[in-house]
Amino acid sequence: MAMTNDYSAVEPARETIDLLDGPTLVEFGTDWCGYCRGAQPLLALAMDSHPTVRHIKIEDGRGRRLGRSFRVKLWPTLIFLSNGTEVARLVRPGSAAEIREALARIDTAV
């Protein structure tokens, strides 16, 4: 699966995320966030070596239930899931290596 480039304004229900099979990266942020934009090249580098990971980008903000259910406070927040269970979390990642390490945890946890 390829990296998703656009944040979805429609958020899935938490129950839908919890029931996902396989490795999944859920990214919370916005298009206008400088930290989010800065993380995109790092994500692209890391995701390149993990093609089986599903990538879901969710536009977050005030009143957004999915982000609150994951206790998101800063953007971007990356939630790494294996079969719907959180295995790792990165907030404002600083390197592709850091993201790759978390991706490797969900690739092997399946």
C-alpha atoms as a PDB file:
ATOM      1  CA  MET A   1       0.000   0.000   0.000  1.00  0.00           C
ATOM      2  CA  ALA A   2       1.263   3.445  -0.809  1.00  0.00           C
ATOM      3  CA  MET A   3       1.578   6.486   1.379  1.00  0.00           C
ATOM      4  CA  THR A   4      -1.583   8.570   1.482  1.00  0.00           C
ATOM      5  CA  ASN A   5      -0.960  12.197   0.491  1.00  0.00           C
ATOM      6  CA  ASP A   6      -4.179  13.946   1.547  1.00  0.00           C
ATOM      7  CA  TYR A   7      -5.783  14.286   4.952  1.00  0.00           C
ATOM      8  CA  SER A   8      -9.336  12.975   5.017  1.00  0.00           C
ATOM      9  CA  ALA A   9     -11.885  15.453   6.370  1.00  0.00           C
ATOM     10  CA  VAL A  10     -14.214  12.521   7.089  1.00  0.00           C
ATOM     11  CA  GLU A  11     -13.024  10.564  10.076  1.00  0.00           C
ATOM     12  CA  PRO A  12     -13.875   6.889  10.463  1.00  0.00           C
ATOM     13  CA  ALA A  13     -15.452   5.670  13.695  1.00  0.00           C
ATOM     14  CA  ARG A  14     -13.019   4.503  16.382  1.00  0.00           C
ATOM     15  CA  GLU A  15     -14.651   1.078  16.192  1.00  0.00           C
ATOM     16  CA  THR A  16     -13.699   0.867  12.502  1.00  0.00           C
ATOM     17  CA  ILE A  17     -10.054   1.615  13.306  1.00  0.00           C
ATOM     18  CA  ASP A  18     -10.045  -0.883  16.187  1.00  0.00           C
ATOM     19  CA  LEU A  19     -11.253  -3.643  13.846  1.00  0.00           C
ATOM     20  CA  LEU A  20      -8.616  -3.131  11.124  1.00  0.00           C
ATOM     21  CA  ASP A  21      -6.560  -6.202  10.246  1.00  0.00           C
ATOM     22  CA  GLY A  22      -2.832  -5.974   9.680  1.00  0.00           C
ATOM     23  CA  PRO A  23      -0.350  -3.146  10.109  1.00  0.00           C
ATOM     24  CA  THR A  24      -1.786   0.376   9.962  1.00  0.00           C
ATOM     25  CA  LEU A  25      -0.362   3.847  10.437  1.00  0.00           C
ATOM     26  CA  VAL A  26      -2.933   6.471  11.430  1.00  0.00           C
ATOM     27  CA  GLU A  27      -1.627  10.010  11.016  1.00  0.00           C
ATOM     28  CA  PHE A  28      -3.400  12.953  12.645  1.00  0.00           C
ATOM     29  CA  GLY A  29      -2.679  16.491  11.435  1.00  0.00           C
ATOM     30  CA  THR A  30      -3.734  19.188   8.969  1.00  0.00           C
ATOM     31  CA  ASP A  31      -2.572  20.492   5.591  1.00  0.00           C
ATOM     32  CA  TRP A  32      -1.746  23.920   7.027  1.00  0.00           C
ATOM     33  CA  CYS A  33       0.378  22.650   9.954  1.00  0.00           C
ATOM     34  CA  GLY A  34       4.081  23.380   9.420  1.00  0.00           C
ATOM     35  CA  TYR A  35       5.146  20.397  11.537  1.00  0.00           C
ATOM     36  CA  CYS A  36       2.850  18.151   9.480  1.00  0.00           C
ATOM     37  CA  ARG A  37       4.235  19.441   6.195  1.00  0.00           C
ATOM     38  CA  GLY A  38       7.790  18.976   7.495  1.00  0.00           C
ATOM     39  CA  ALA A  39       7.092  15.357   8.428  1.00  0.00           C
ATOM     40  CA  GLN A  40       5.845  14.364   4.958  1.00  0.00           C
ATOM     41  CA  PRO A  41       9.283  13.770   3.347  1.00  0.00           C
ATOM     42  CA  LEU A  42      10.310  11.716   6.401  1.00  0.00           C
ATOM     43  CA  LEU A  43       7.131   9.655   6.133  1.00  0.00           C
ATOM     44  CA  ALA A  44       7.664   9.111   2.414  1.00  0.00           C
ATOM     45  CA  LEU A  45      11.197   7.809   3.011  1.00  0.00           C
ATOM     46  CA  ALA A  46      10.070   5.502   5.808  1.00  0.00           C
ATOM     47  CA  MET A  47       6.932   4.220   4.102  1.00  0.00           C
ATOM     48  CA  ASP A  48       8.953   3.336   1.003  1.00  0.00           C
ATOM     49  CA  SER A  49      10.473   0.363   2.811  1.00  0.00           C
ATOM     50  CA  HIS A  50       7.166  -0.778   4.359  1.00  0.00           C
ATOM     51  CA  PRO A  51       4.771  -1.230   1.418  1.00  0.00           C
ATOM     52  CA  THR A  52       2.367  -3.522   3.309  1.00  0.00           C
ATOM     53  CA  VAL A  53       1.463  -0.904   5.924  1.00  0.00           C
ATOM     54  CA  ARG A  54      -1.927   0.786   5.454  1.00  0.00           C
ATOM     55  CA  HIS A  55      -1.629   4.601   5.851  1.00  0.00           C
ATOM     56  CA  ILE A  56      -4.670   6.598   6.953  1.00  0.00           C
ATOM     57  CA  LYS A  57      -4.370  10.398   7.214  1.00  0.00           C
ATOM     58  CA  ILE A  58      -7.050  12.090   9.299  1.00  0.00           C
ATOM     59  CA  GLU A  59      -7.574  15.846   9.470  1.00  0.00           C
ATOM     60  CA  ASP A  60      -7.687  16.667  13.159  1.00  0.00           C
ATOM     61  CA  GLY A  61      -8.959  19.660  15.090  1.00  0.00           C
ATOM     62  CA  ARG A  62     -11.326  20.924  17.718  1.00  0.00           C
ATOM     63  CA  GLY A  63     -14.328  18.658  18.208  1.00  0.00           C
ATOM     64  CA  ARG A  64     -12.863  15.783  16.194  1.00  0.00           C
ATOM     65  CA  ARG A  65     -13.800  12.621  18.081  1.00  0.00           C
ATOM     66  CA  LEU A  66     -11.290  10.197  16.597  1.00  0.00           C
ATOM     67  CA  GLY A  67      -8.298  12.333  17.534  1.00  0.00           C
ATOM     68  CA  ARG A  68      -9.645  12.814  21.039  1.00  0.00           C
ATOM     69  CA  SER A  69     -10.193   9.068  21.435  1.00  0.00           C
ATOM     70  CA  PHE A  70      -6.454   8.613  20.748  1.00  0.00           C
ATOM     71  CA  ARG A  71      -5.582  11.543  23.081  1.00  0.00           C
ATOM     72  CA  VAL A  72      -3.958  13.529  20.243  1.00  0.00           C
ATOM     73  CA  LYS A  73      -2.667  16.887  21.470  1.00  0.00           C
ATOM     74  CA  LEU A  74       0.060  17.859  18.965  1.00  0.00           C
ATOM     75  CA  TRP A  75       0.413  17.390  15.204  1.00  0.00           C
ATOM     76  CA  PRO A  76       1.461  15.332  13.538  1.00  0.00           C
ATOM     77  CA  THR A  77       0.739  12.382  15.780  1.00  0.00           C
ATOM     78  CA  LEU A  78       1.454   8.995  14.241  1.00  0.00           C
ATOM     79  CA  ILE A  79      -0.307   5.973  15.734  1.00  0.00           C
ATOM     80  CA  PHE A  80       1.118   2.590  14.696  1.00  0.00           C
ATOM     81  CA  LEU A  81      -1.437  -0.209  14.946  1.00  0.00           C
ATOM     82  CA  SER A  82      -1.219  -3.953  14.591  1.00  0.00           C
ATOM     83  CA  ASN A  83      -4.658  -5.524  14.095  1.00  0.00           C
ATOM     84  CA  GLY A  84      -6.292  -2.443  15.619  1.00  0.00           C
ATOM     85  CA  THR A  85      -4.071  -2.336  18.721  1.00  0.00           C
ATOM     86  CA  GLU A  86      -1.636   0.523  19.306  1.00  0.00           C
ATOM     87  CA  VAL A  87       1.953  -0.711  19.277  1.00  0.00           C
ATOM     88  CA  ALA A  88       3.838   2.593  18.962  1.00  0.00           C
ATOM     89  CA  ARG A  89       3.247   6.340  18.798  1.00  0.00           C
ATOM     90  CA  LEU A  90       5.338   9.233  17.525  1.00  0.00           C
ATOM     91  CA  VAL A  91       4.563  12.907  18.017  1.00  0.00           C
ATOM     92  CA  ARG A  92       6.341  15.326  15.681  1.00  0.00           C
ATOM     93  CA  PRO A  93       8.863  12.763  14.453  1.00  0.00           C
ATOM     94  CA  GLY A  94      12.331  14.116  13.731  1.00  0.00           C
ATOM     95  CA  SER A  95      13.752  11.476  11.402  1.00  0.00           C
ATOM     96  CA  ALA A  96      12.791   8.825   8.883  1.00  0.00           C
ATOM     97  CA  ALA A  97      14.772   6.313  10.982  1.00  0.00           C
ATOM     98  CA  GLU A  98      12.496   6.958  13.952  1.00  0.00           C
ATOM     99  CA  ILE A  99       9.441   6.298  11.771  1.00  0.00           C
ATOM    100  CA  ARG A 100      11.025   3.187  10.204  1.00  0.00           C
ATOM    101  CA  GLU A 101      11.692   1.774  13.674  1.00  0.00           C
ATOM    102  CA  ALA A 102       8.034   2.156  14.639  1.00  0.00           C
ATOM    103  CA  LEU A 103       6.914   0.717  11.277  1.00  0.00           C
ATOM    104  CA  ALA A 104       9.152  -2.308  11.837  1.00  0.00           C
ATOM    105  CA  ARG A 105       7.383  -2.934  15.150  1.00  0.00           C
ATOM    106  CA  ILE A 106       3.993  -3.239  13.457  1.00  0.00           C
ATOM    107  CA  ASP A 107       5.327  -5.170  10.471  1.00  0.00           C
ATOM    108  CA  THR A 108       6.693  -7.858  12.821  1.00  0.00           C
ATOM    109  CA  ALA A 109       3.788  -7.736  15.295  1.00  0.00           C
ATOM    110  CA  VAL A 110       1.301  -9.068  12.725  1.00  0.00           C
END
